[in-house]
Amino acid sequence: QRCVLGESGQCGAAGFCGVYGALDSADGDLGYCQQTCDCNADCDHPEAVCAPDPFSAGITGRTGVCVSELLAEGPGVACPVTTTADAGAADAGVNAADSGVPVNPADAGLDAGVDAAQ
């Protein structure tokens, strides 16, 4: 989708109006809405990668924008790997910092001897 550089609200919450790789663009120039991202898995298109972009990062707080893997200067930003142990602790409602104490007492079924139905 086309947009005008420097005008807000044209690309939705997950978009950024820019021209990837253009060093001499300025407000008022024609741009294209680009999906913002923190890593490759954030990109909706299967042939897109998350290309680091300091300019858009300074505005959006995201690492970069999704671009074609043919235009990217490298493999894009790899996503952090989550281990099975990390995922299991999160699924069980356990806070790893407190050695297995349930995050919410209701998760344990009883709250200090009080019936959970009360």
C-alpha atoms as a PDB file:
ATOM      1  CA  GLN A   1       0.000   0.000   0.000  1.00  0.00           C
ATOM      2  CA  ARG A   2       1.289   3.449  -0.870  1.00  0.00           C
ATOM      3  CA  CYS A   3       1.791   6.142   1.734  1.00  0.00           C
ATOM      4  CA  VAL A   4       3.396   9.567   2.106  1.00  0.00           C
ATOM      5  CA  LEU A   5       6.533   9.773   4.242  1.00  0.00           C
ATOM      6  CA  GLY A   6       6.074  11.849   7.369  1.00  0.00           C
ATOM      7  CA  GLU A   7       2.275  11.512   7.554  1.00  0.00           C
ATOM      8  CA  SER A   8       1.070   9.367  10.459  1.00  0.00           C
ATOM      9  CA  GLY A   9      -1.727   6.807  10.615  1.00  0.00           C
ATOM     10  CA  GLN A  10      -1.506   5.531   7.047  1.00  0.00           C
ATOM     11  CA  CYS A  11      -0.219   2.002   7.638  1.00  0.00           C
ATOM     12  CA  GLY A  12      -2.097   0.699  10.664  1.00  0.00           C
ATOM     13  CA  ALA A  13      -0.732  -0.304  14.043  1.00  0.00           C
ATOM     14  CA  ALA A  14       1.826  -2.814  12.724  1.00  0.00           C
ATOM     15  CA  GLY A  15       3.032  -0.760   9.790  1.00  0.00           C
ATOM     16  CA  PHE A  16       5.618   1.851   8.967  1.00  0.00           C
ATOM     17  CA  CYS A  17       5.675   4.168   5.956  1.00  0.00           C
ATOM     18  CA  GLY A  18       9.108   4.008   4.431  1.00  0.00           C
ATOM     19  CA  VAL A  19      11.296   3.220   1.468  1.00  0.00           C
ATOM     20  CA  TYR A  20      13.646   0.378   2.449  1.00  0.00           C
ATOM     21  CA  GLY A  21      17.214   1.152   1.471  1.00  0.00           C
ATOM     22  CA  ALA A  22      16.546   4.718   0.321  1.00  0.00           C
ATOM     23  CA  LEU A  23      19.053   7.007   2.000  1.00  0.00           C
ATOM     24  CA  ASP A  24      17.847  10.289   0.531  1.00  0.00           C
ATOM     25  CA  SER A  25      14.097  10.077   1.150  1.00  0.00           C
ATOM     26  CA  ALA A  26      12.311  12.946   2.886  1.00  0.00           C
ATOM     27  CA  ASP A  27       8.899  13.895   4.268  1.00  0.00           C
ATOM     28  CA  GLY A  28       6.390  14.196   1.449  1.00  0.00           C
ATOM     29  CA  ASP A  29       8.028  11.495  -0.704  1.00  0.00           C
ATOM     30  CA  LEU A  30       6.040   8.486  -1.862  1.00  0.00           C
ATOM     31  CA  GLY A  31       6.627   5.432   0.315  1.00  0.00           C
ATOM     32  CA  TYR A  32       5.135   2.026   0.945  1.00  0.00           C
ATOM     33  CA  CYS A  33       3.631   0.569   4.092  1.00  0.00           C
ATOM     34  CA  GLN A  34       5.985  -2.000   5.560  1.00  0.00           C
ATOM     35  CA  GLN A  35       5.210  -4.446   8.344  1.00  0.00           C
ATOM     36  CA  THR A  36       7.336  -3.816  11.447  1.00  0.00           C
ATOM     37  CA  CYS A  37       9.061  -6.730  13.174  1.00  0.00           C
ATOM     38  CA  ASP A  38      11.441  -7.857  15.900  1.00  0.00           C
ATOM     39  CA  CYS A  39      12.434 -11.148  14.221  1.00  0.00           C
ATOM     40  CA  ASN A  40      11.748 -13.149  11.037  1.00  0.00           C
ATOM     41  CA  ALA A  41       8.707 -15.003  12.441  1.00  0.00           C
ATOM     42  CA  ASP A  42       6.874 -11.663  12.842  1.00  0.00           C
ATOM     43  CA  CYS A  43       6.717 -11.256   9.048  1.00  0.00           C
ATOM     44  CA  ASP A  44       3.417 -12.420   7.539  1.00  0.00           C
ATOM     45  CA  HIS A  45       4.748 -13.133   4.040  1.00  0.00           C
ATOM     46  CA  PRO A  46       6.572 -16.483   3.795  1.00  0.00           C
ATOM     47  CA  GLU A  47       9.372 -15.019   1.645  1.00  0.00           C
ATOM     48  CA  ALA A  48       9.989 -11.995   3.880  1.00  0.00           C
ATOM     49  CA  VAL A  49      12.618 -11.525   6.564  1.00  0.00           C
ATOM     50  CA  CYS A  50      12.953  -8.973   9.343  1.00  0.00           C
ATOM     51  CA  ALA A  51      15.589  -6.526   8.136  1.00  0.00           C
ATOM     52  CA  PRO A  52      17.148  -4.369  10.858  1.00  0.00           C
ATOM     53  CA  ASP A  53      16.299  -0.725  10.245  1.00  0.00           C
ATOM     54  CA  PRO A  54      17.629   1.810  12.772  1.00  0.00           C
ATOM     55  CA  PHE A  55      15.495   4.615  11.333  1.00  0.00           C
ATOM     56  CA  SER A  56      12.152   2.819  11.710  1.00  0.00           C
ATOM     57  CA  ALA A  57      13.297   1.321  15.040  1.00  0.00           C
ATOM     58  CA  GLY A  58      13.786   4.818  16.424  1.00  0.00           C
ATOM     59  CA  ILE A  59      10.191   5.657  15.542  1.00  0.00           C
ATOM     60  CA  THR A  60       8.328   2.388  16.135  1.00  0.00           C
ATOM     61  CA  GLY A  61      10.416   0.724  18.861  1.00  0.00           C
ATOM     62  CA  ARG A  62      10.593  -2.433  16.716  1.00  0.00           C
ATOM     63  CA  THR A  63      13.863  -3.902  15.392  1.00  0.00           C
ATOM     64  CA  GLY A  64      13.125  -3.440  11.716  1.00  0.00           C
ATOM     65  CA  VAL A  65      10.752  -3.976   8.803  1.00  0.00           C
ATOM     66  CA  CYS A  66       9.730  -7.030   6.798  1.00  0.00           C
ATOM     67  CA  VAL A  67      11.255  -7.088   3.314  1.00  0.00           C
ATOM     68  CA  SER A  68      11.686  -9.648   0.565  1.00  0.00           C
ATOM     69  CA  GLU A  69      14.561 -11.995   1.319  1.00  0.00           C
ATOM     70  CA  LEU A  70      15.875 -10.965  -2.129  1.00  0.00           C
ATOM     71  CA  LEU A  71      16.248  -7.323  -1.004  1.00  0.00           C
ATOM     72  CA  ALA A  72      17.541  -7.960   2.510  1.00  0.00           C
ATOM     73  CA  GLU A  73      21.212  -7.517   3.253  1.00  0.00           C
ATOM     74  CA  GLY A  74      21.539 -10.848   5.049  1.00  0.00           C
ATOM     75  CA  PRO A  75      19.309 -13.533   6.559  1.00  0.00           C
ATOM     76  CA  GLY A  76      17.228 -11.170   8.682  1.00  0.00           C
ATOM     77  CA  VAL A  77      16.841 -11.230  12.458  1.00  0.00           C
ATOM     78  CA  ALA A  78      16.568 -14.728  13.926  1.00  0.00           C
ATOM     79  CA  CYS A  79      13.946 -15.211  16.637  1.00  0.00           C
ATOM     80  CA  PRO A  80      15.024 -16.277  20.126  1.00  0.00           C
ATOM     81  CA  VAL A  81      14.797 -20.009  20.747  1.00  0.00           C
ATOM     82  CA  THR A  82      12.438 -21.117  23.522  1.00  0.00           C
ATOM     83  CA  THR A  83      13.414 -24.353  25.231  1.00  0.00           C
ATOM     84  CA  THR A  84      10.882 -27.034  26.122  1.00  0.00           C
ATOM     85  CA  ALA A  85      11.574 -26.457  29.836  1.00  0.00           C
ATOM     86  CA  ASP A  86      10.744 -22.742  29.480  1.00  0.00           C
ATOM     87  CA  ALA A  87       7.496 -23.507  27.651  1.00  0.00           C
ATOM     88  CA  GLY A  88       6.492 -26.170  30.200  1.00  0.00           C
ATOM     89  CA  ALA A  89       6.912 -23.818  33.139  1.00  0.00           C
ATOM     90  CA  ALA A  90       4.801 -21.168  31.421  1.00  0.00           C
ATOM     91  CA  ASP A  91       2.081 -23.674  30.520  1.00  0.00           C
ATOM     92  CA  ALA A  92       1.917 -24.996  34.086  1.00  0.00           C
ATOM     93  CA  GLY A  93       1.318 -21.529  35.545  1.00  0.00           C
ATOM     94  CA  VAL A  94       4.547 -21.793  37.520  1.00  0.00           C
ATOM     95  CA  ASN A  95       6.809 -18.869  38.181  1.00  0.00           C
ATOM     96  CA  ALA A  96      10.367 -20.142  37.689  1.00  0.00           C
ATOM     97  CA  ALA A  97      11.750 -17.399  39.944  1.00  0.00           C
ATOM     98  CA  ASP A  98       9.942 -18.733  43.008  1.00  0.00           C
ATOM     99  CA  SER A  99      10.876 -22.413  42.692  1.00  0.00           C
ATOM    100  CA  GLY A 100       7.519 -23.791  41.623  1.00  0.00           C
ATOM    101  CA  VAL A 101       5.041 -21.811  43.686  1.00  0.00           C
ATOM    102  CA  PRO A 102       1.907 -21.262  41.574  1.00  0.00           C
ATOM    103  CA  VAL A 103       1.563 -17.770  40.122  1.00  0.00           C
ATOM    104  CA  ASN A 104      -2.089 -17.675  41.107  1.00  0.00           C
ATOM    105  CA  PRO A 105      -3.226 -19.579  44.230  1.00  0.00           C
ATOM    106  CA  ALA A 106      -6.397 -20.584  42.358  1.00  0.00           C
ATOM    107  CA  ASP A 107      -4.107 -22.600  40.043  1.00  0.00           C
ATOM    108  CA  ALA A 108      -3.295 -24.868  42.981  1.00  0.00           C
ATOM    109  CA  GLY A 109      -6.960 -25.611  43.641  1.00  0.00           C
ATOM    110  CA  LEU A 110      -6.908 -24.364  47.247  1.00  0.00           C
ATOM    111  CA  ASP A 111      -6.010 -21.017  48.744  1.00  0.00           C
ATOM    112  CA  ALA A 112      -4.622 -21.408  52.282  1.00  0.00           C
ATOM    113  CA  GLY A 113      -7.268 -23.971  53.208  1.00  0.00           C
ATOM    114  CA  VAL A 114     -10.191 -22.024  51.747  1.00  0.00           C
ATOM    115  CA  ASP A 115     -12.378 -23.895  49.274  1.00  0.00           C
ATOM    116  CA  ALA A 116     -11.799 -22.512  45.764  1.00  0.00           C
ATOM    117  CA  ALA A 117     -15.572 -22.396  45.150  1.00  0.00           C
ATOM    118  CA  GLN A 118     -16.033 -19.625  47.727  1.00  0.00           C
END
